[in-house]
Amino acid sequence: MPTQLRHRQAIVDYLGSISDFASARDIAVVLKIPYKTTIDALNALHAMGRVARVGRKFRAKWGAN
């Protein structure tokens, strides 16, 4: 499986396992994925409707859809 897809799946799995929304920085730290890669994956997942976002820019929080 390509790295990009593994990162996306790891993010979806993590967000599904927590009960609250998390910042991209928190997700990157927990999953040990670079911040830029995390942002790119979250934006792609959001565009696909797989994750939800509350807020904008640096104060955005992400969660399971």
PDB file of N, CA and C in Angstrom:
ATOM      1  N   MET A   1       0.857  -1.184   0.000  1.00  0.00           N
ATOM      2  CA  MET A   1       0.000   0.000   0.000  1.00  0.00           C
ATOM      3  C   MET A   1       0.900   1.244   0.000  1.00  0.00           C
ATOM      4  N   PRO A   2       0.619   2.199  -0.870  1.00  0.00           N
ATOM      5  CA  PRO A   2       1.424   3.426  -0.898  1.00  0.00           C
ATOM      6  C   PRO A   2       1.368   4.175   0.439  1.00  0.00           C
ATOM      7  N   THR A   3       2.439   4.883   0.726  1.00  0.00           N
ATOM      8  CA  THR A   3       2.562   5.610   1.991  1.00  0.00           C
ATOM      9  C   THR A   3       1.413   6.583   2.196  1.00  0.00           C
ATOM     10  N   GLN A   4       1.033   7.285   1.154  1.00  0.00           N
ATOM     11  CA  GLN A   4      -0.053   8.269   1.259  1.00  0.00           C
ATOM     12  C   GLN A   4      -1.348   7.613   1.742  1.00  0.00           C
ATOM     13  N   LEU A   5      -1.660   6.451   1.211  1.00  0.00           N
ATOM     14  CA  LEU A   5      -2.879   5.747   1.618  1.00  0.00           C
ATOM     15  C   LEU A   5      -2.769   5.207   3.036  1.00  0.00           C
ATOM     16  N   ARG A   6      -1.572   4.763   3.422  1.00  0.00           N
ATOM     17  CA  ARG A   6      -1.366   4.289   4.799  1.00  0.00           C
ATOM     18  C   ARG A   6      -1.579   5.416   5.790  1.00  0.00           C
ATOM     19  N   HIS A   7      -1.063   6.614   5.460  1.00  0.00           N
ATOM     20  CA  HIS A   7      -1.243   7.766   6.347  1.00  0.00           C
ATOM     21  C   HIS A   7      -2.717   8.117   6.468  1.00  0.00           C
ATOM     22  N   ARG A   8      -3.411   8.141   5.355  1.00  0.00           N
ATOM     23  CA  ARG A   8      -4.845   8.464   5.387  1.00  0.00           C
ATOM     24  C   ARG A   8      -5.616   7.448   6.223  1.00  0.00           C
ATOM     25  N   GLN A   9      -5.307   6.165   6.037  1.00  0.00           N
ATOM     26  CA  GLN A   9      -6.004   5.137   6.798  1.00  0.00           C
ATOM     27  C   GLN A   9      -5.678   5.239   8.281  1.00  0.00           C
ATOM     28  N   ALA A  10      -4.430   5.526   8.617  1.00  0.00           N
ATOM     29  CA  ALA A  10      -4.046   5.674  10.021  1.00  0.00           C
ATOM     30  C   ALA A  10      -4.798   6.834  10.659  1.00  0.00           C
ATOM     31  N   ILE A  11      -4.962   7.922   9.921  1.00  0.00           N
ATOM     32  CA  ILE A  11      -5.678   9.091  10.445  1.00  0.00           C
ATOM     33  C   ILE A  11      -7.152   8.764  10.653  1.00  0.00           C
ATOM     34  N   VAL A  12      -7.773   8.104   9.688  1.00  0.00           N
ATOM     35  CA  VAL A  12      -9.187   7.734   9.820  1.00  0.00           C
ATOM     36  C   VAL A  12      -9.369   6.792  11.014  1.00  0.00           C
ATOM     37  N   ASP A  13      -8.474   5.828  11.156  1.00  0.00           N
ATOM     38  CA  ASP A  13      -8.557   4.891  12.283  1.00  0.00           C
ATOM     39  C   ASP A  13      -8.390   5.623  13.616  1.00  0.00           C
ATOM     40  N   TYR A  14      -7.433   6.535  13.681  1.00  0.00           N
ATOM     41  CA  TYR A  14      -7.200   7.278  14.925  1.00  0.00           C
ATOM     42  C   TYR A  14      -8.406   8.150  15.281  1.00  0.00           C
ATOM     43  N   LEU A  15      -8.913   8.889  14.309  1.00  0.00           N
ATOM     44  CA  LEU A  15     -10.052   9.762  14.581  1.00  0.00           C
ATOM     45  C   LEU A  15     -11.294   8.963  14.967  1.00  0.00           C
ATOM     46  N   GLY A  16     -11.429   7.767  14.429  1.00  0.00           N
ATOM     47  CA  GLY A  16     -12.540   6.914  14.801  1.00  0.00           C
ATOM     48  C   GLY A  16     -12.409   6.348  16.210  1.00  0.00           C
ATOM     49  N   SER A  17     -11.181   6.309  16.719  1.00  0.00           N
ATOM     50  CA  SER A  17     -10.956   5.718  18.040  1.00  0.00           C
ATOM     51  C   SER A  17     -11.070   6.728  19.182  1.00  0.00           C
ATOM     52  N   ILE A  18     -11.073   8.019  18.869  1.00  0.00           N
ATOM     53  CA  ILE A  18     -11.185   9.028  19.921  1.00  0.00           C
ATOM     54  C   ILE A  18     -12.601   9.596  19.921  1.00  0.00           C
ATOM     55  N   SER A  19     -13.008  10.111  21.055  1.00  0.00           N
ATOM     56  CA  SER A  19     -14.386  10.589  21.172  1.00  0.00           C
ATOM     57  C   SER A  19     -14.534  12.076  20.885  1.00  0.00           C
ATOM     58  N   ASP A  20     -13.429  12.792  20.797  1.00  0.00           N
ATOM     59  CA  ASP A  20     -13.479  14.232  20.596  1.00  0.00           C
ATOM     60  C   ASP A  20     -12.706  14.599  19.339  1.00  0.00           C
ATOM     61  N   PHE A  21     -12.738  15.852  18.969  1.00  0.00           N
ATOM     62  CA  PHE A  21     -11.977  16.341  17.831  1.00  0.00           C
ATOM     63  C   PHE A  21     -10.543  16.627  18.274  1.00  0.00           C
ATOM     64  N   ALA A  22      -9.596  16.548  17.340  1.00  0.00           N
ATOM     65  CA  ALA A  22      -8.184  16.772  17.653  1.00  0.00           C
ATOM     66  C   ALA A  22      -7.583  17.719  16.625  1.00  0.00           C
ATOM     67  N   SER A  23      -6.557  18.437  17.034  1.00  0.00           N
ATOM     68  CA  SER A  23      -5.862  19.333  16.109  1.00  0.00           C
ATOM     69  C   SER A  23      -4.943  18.512  15.201  1.00  0.00           C
ATOM     70  N   ALA A  24      -4.581  19.073  14.073  1.00  0.00           N
ATOM     71  CA  ALA A  24      -3.679  18.394  13.146  1.00  0.00           C
ATOM     72  C   ALA A  24      -2.329  18.160  13.805  1.00  0.00           C
ATOM     73  N   ARG A  25      -1.883  19.098  14.607  1.00  0.00           N
ATOM     74  CA  ARG A  25      -0.597  18.941  15.307  1.00  0.00           C
ATOM     75  C   ARG A  25      -0.651  17.742  16.253  1.00  0.00           C
ATOM     76  N   ASP A  26      -1.740  17.605  16.997  1.00  0.00           N
ATOM     77  CA  ASP A  26      -1.886  16.462  17.912  1.00  0.00           C
ATOM     78  C   ASP A  26      -1.896  15.139  17.133  1.00  0.00           C
ATOM     79  N   ILE A  27      -2.604  15.116  16.026  1.00  0.00           N
ATOM     80  CA  ILE A  27      -2.674  13.905  15.202  1.00  0.00           C
ATOM     81  C   ILE A  27      -1.289  13.544  14.682  1.00  0.00           C
ATOM     82  N   ALA A  28      -0.552  14.537  14.207  1.00  0.00           N
ATOM     83  CA  ALA A  28       0.792  14.298  13.682  1.00  0.00           C
ATOM     84  C   ALA A  28       1.723  13.735  14.754  1.00  0.00           C
ATOM     85  N   VAL A  29       1.624  14.271  15.961  1.00  0.00           N
ATOM     86  CA  VAL A  29       2.488  13.800  17.048  1.00  0.00           C
ATOM     87  C   VAL A  29       2.139  12.371  17.439  1.00  0.00           C
ATOM     88  N   VAL A  30       0.863  12.085  17.612  1.00  0.00           N
ATOM     89  CA  VAL A  30       0.439  10.748  18.042  1.00  0.00           C
ATOM     90  C   VAL A  30       0.800   9.695  17.001  1.00  0.00           C
ATOM     91  N   LEU A  31       0.577   9.995  15.732  1.00  0.00           N
ATOM     92  CA  LEU A  31       0.821   9.019  14.666  1.00  0.00           C
ATOM     93  C   LEU A  31       2.244   9.050  14.125  1.00  0.00           C
ATOM     94  N   LYS A  32       3.056  10.000  14.598  1.00  0.00           N
ATOM     95  CA  LYS A  32       4.448  10.150  14.144  1.00  0.00           C
ATOM     96  C   LYS A  32       4.521  10.334  12.625  1.00  0.00           C
ATOM     97  N   ILE A  33       3.656  11.209  12.133  1.00  0.00           N
ATOM     98  CA  ILE A  33       3.619  11.582  10.720  1.00  0.00           C
ATOM     99  C   ILE A  33       4.016  13.055  10.649  1.00  0.00           C
ATOM    100  N   PRO A  34       4.794  13.462   9.649  1.00  0.00           N
ATOM    101  CA  PRO A  34       5.130  14.887   9.536  1.00  0.00           C
ATOM    102  C   PRO A  34       3.875  15.753   9.434  1.00  0.00           C
ATOM    103  N   TYR A  35       3.953  16.956   9.995  1.00  0.00           N
ATOM    104  CA  TYR A  35       2.797  17.856  10.054  1.00  0.00           C
ATOM    105  C   TYR A  35       2.241  18.158   8.666  1.00  0.00           C
ATOM    106  N   LYS A  36       3.094  18.478   7.704  1.00  0.00           N
ATOM    107  CA  LYS A  36       2.635  18.810   6.349  1.00  0.00           C
ATOM    108  C   LYS A  36       1.918  17.624   5.720  1.00  0.00           C
ATOM    109  N   THR A  37       2.435  16.447   5.907  1.00  0.00           N
ATOM    110  CA  THR A  37       1.797  15.237   5.385  1.00  0.00           C
ATOM    111  C   THR A  37       0.437  15.028   6.036  1.00  0.00           C
ATOM    112  N   THR A  38       0.357  15.300   7.329  1.00  0.00           N
ATOM    113  CA  THR A  38      -0.907  15.166   8.055  1.00  0.00           C
ATOM    114  C   THR A  38      -1.949  16.134   7.511  1.00  0.00           C
ATOM    115  N   ILE A  39      -1.545  17.383   7.304  1.00  0.00           N
ATOM    116  CA  ILE A  39      -2.456  18.392   6.756  1.00  0.00           C
ATOM    117  C   ILE A  39      -2.953  17.979   5.373  1.00  0.00           C
ATOM    118  N   ASP A  40      -2.036  17.529   4.522  1.00  0.00           N
ATOM    119  CA  ASP A  40      -2.426  17.102   3.176  1.00  0.00           C
ATOM    120  C   ASP A  40      -3.420  15.943   3.226  1.00  0.00           C
ATOM    121  N   ALA A  41      -3.155  14.973   4.100  1.00  0.00           N
ATOM    122  CA  ALA A  41      -4.046  13.826   4.223  1.00  0.00           C
ATOM    123  C   ALA A  41      -5.404  14.246   4.770  1.00  0.00           C
ATOM    124  N   LEU A  42      -5.414  15.111   5.782  1.00  0.00           N
ATOM    125  CA  LEU A  42      -6.681  15.574   6.352  1.00  0.00           C
ATOM    126  C   LEU A  42      -7.506  16.344   5.328  1.00  0.00           C
ATOM    127  N   ASN A  43      -6.861  17.190   4.548  1.00  0.00           N
ATOM    128  CA  ASN A  43      -7.587  17.941   3.519  1.00  0.00           C
ATOM    129  C   ASN A  43      -8.175  17.011   2.463  1.00  0.00           C
ATOM    130  N   ALA A  44      -7.416  16.001   2.055  1.00  0.00           N
ATOM    131  CA  ALA A  44      -7.913  15.044   1.073  1.00  0.00           C
ATOM    132  C   ALA A  44      -9.078  14.238   1.653  1.00  0.00           C
ATOM    133  N   LEU A  45      -8.939  13.799   2.900  1.00  0.00           N
ATOM    134  CA  LEU A  45     -10.016  13.040   3.546  1.00  0.00           C
ATOM    135  C   LEU A  45     -11.263  13.895   3.736  1.00  0.00           C
ATOM    136  N   HIS A  46     -11.072  15.158   4.033  1.00  0.00           N
ATOM    137  CA  HIS A  46     -12.206  16.073   4.190  1.00  0.00           C
ATOM    138  C   HIS A  46     -12.925  16.252   2.854  1.00  0.00           C
ATOM    139  N   ALA A  47     -12.164  16.378   1.790  1.00  0.00           N
ATOM    140  CA  ALA A  47     -12.754  16.533   0.459  1.00  0.00           C
ATOM    141  C   ALA A  47     -13.548  15.286   0.060  1.00  0.00           C
ATOM    142  N   MET A  48     -13.115  14.117   0.546  1.00  0.00           N
ATOM    143  CA  MET A  48     -13.816  12.864   0.253  1.00  0.00           C
ATOM    144  C   MET A  48     -14.989  12.624   1.202  1.00  0.00           C
ATOM    145  N   GLY A  49     -15.119  13.460   2.227  1.00  0.00           N
ATOM    146  CA  GLY A  49     -16.196  13.291   3.189  1.00  0.00           C
ATOM    147  C   GLY A  49     -15.918  12.257   4.258  1.00  0.00           C
ATOM    148  N   ARG A  50     -14.658  11.886   4.445  1.00  0.00           N
ATOM    149  CA  ARG A  50     -14.305  10.853   5.429  1.00  0.00           C
ATOM    150  C   ARG A  50     -14.060  11.409   6.823  1.00  0.00           C
ATOM    151  N   VAL A  51     -13.695  12.703   6.924  1.00  0.00           N
ATOM    152  CA  VAL A  51     -13.469  13.332   8.232  1.00  0.00           C
ATOM    153  C   VAL A  51     -14.206  14.667   8.274  1.00  0.00           C
ATOM    154  N   ALA A  52     -14.472  15.103   9.488  1.00  0.00           N
ATOM    155  CA  ALA A  52     -15.156  16.380   9.688  1.00  0.00           C
ATOM    156  C   ALA A  52     -14.157  17.399  10.235  1.00  0.00           C
ATOM    157  N   ARG A  53     -14.392  18.675   9.913  1.00  0.00           N
ATOM    158  CA  ARG A  53     -13.530  19.746  10.400  1.00  0.00           C
ATOM    159  C   ARG A  53     -14.393  20.798  11.067  1.00  0.00           C
ATOM    160  N   VAL A  54     -13.915  21.280  12.208  1.00  0.00           N
ATOM    161  CA  VAL A  54     -14.550  22.389  12.907  1.00  0.00           C
ATOM    162  C   VAL A  54     -13.511  23.489  12.988  1.00  0.00           C
ATOM    163  N   GLY A  55     -13.854  24.655  12.499  1.00  0.00           N
ATOM    164  CA  GLY A  55     -12.902  25.762  12.506  1.00  0.00           C
ATOM    165  C   GLY A  55     -12.110  25.825  11.216  1.00  0.00           C
ATOM    166  N   ARG A  56     -11.221  26.818  11.181  1.00  0.00           N
ATOM    167  CA  ARG A  56     -10.411  27.031   9.983  1.00  0.00           C
ATOM    168  C   ARG A  56      -8.969  27.307  10.353  1.00  0.00           C
ATOM    169  N   LYS A  57      -8.124  27.165   9.379  1.00  0.00           N
ATOM    170  CA  LYS A  57      -6.693  27.460   9.509  1.00  0.00           C
ATOM    171  C   LYS A  57      -6.066  26.733  10.689  1.00  0.00           C
ATOM    172  N   PHE A  58      -5.298  27.426  11.497  1.00  0.00           N
ATOM    173  CA  PHE A  58      -4.520  26.785  12.558  1.00  0.00           C
ATOM    174  C   PHE A  58      -5.360  26.340  13.749  1.00  0.00           C
ATOM    175  N   ARG A  59      -6.576  26.828  13.861  1.00  0.00           N
ATOM    176  CA  ARG A  59      -7.414  26.452  14.995  1.00  0.00           C
ATOM    177  C   ARG A  59      -8.399  25.337  14.651  1.00  0.00           C
ATOM    178  N   ALA A  60      -8.274  24.763  13.465  1.00  0.00           N
ATOM    179  CA  ALA A  60      -9.183  23.691  13.038  1.00  0.00           C
ATOM    180  C   ALA A  60      -9.002  22.467  13.924  1.00  0.00           C
ATOM    181  N   LYS A  61     -10.104  21.803  14.162  1.00  0.00           N
ATOM    182  CA  LYS A  61     -10.106  20.524  14.875  1.00  0.00           C
ATOM    183  C   LYS A  61     -10.734  19.497  13.931  1.00  0.00           C
ATOM    184  N   TRP A  62     -10.223  18.287  13.971  1.00  0.00           N
ATOM    185  CA  TRP A  62     -10.646  17.246  13.057  1.00  0.00           C
ATOM    186  C   TRP A  62     -11.238  16.097  13.834  1.00  0.00           C
ATOM    187  N   GLY A  63     -12.237  15.441  13.245  1.00  0.00           N
ATOM    188  CA  GLY A  63     -12.867  14.310  13.903  1.00  0.00           C
ATOM    189  C   GLY A  63     -13.476  13.347  12.903  1.00  0.00           C
ATOM    190  N   ALA A  64     -13.962  12.249  13.416  1.00  0.00           N
ATOM    191  CA  ALA A  64     -14.602  11.248  12.566  1.00  0.00           C
ATOM    192  C   ALA A  64     -15.924  11.792  12.044  1.00  0.00           C
ATOM    193  N   ASN A  65     -16.234  11.430  10.849  1.00  0.00           N
ATOM    194  CA  ASN A  65     -17.464  11.874  10.206  1.00  0.00           C
ATOM    195  C   ASN A  65     -18.598  10.939  10.454  1.00  0.00           C
TER     196      ASN A  65
END
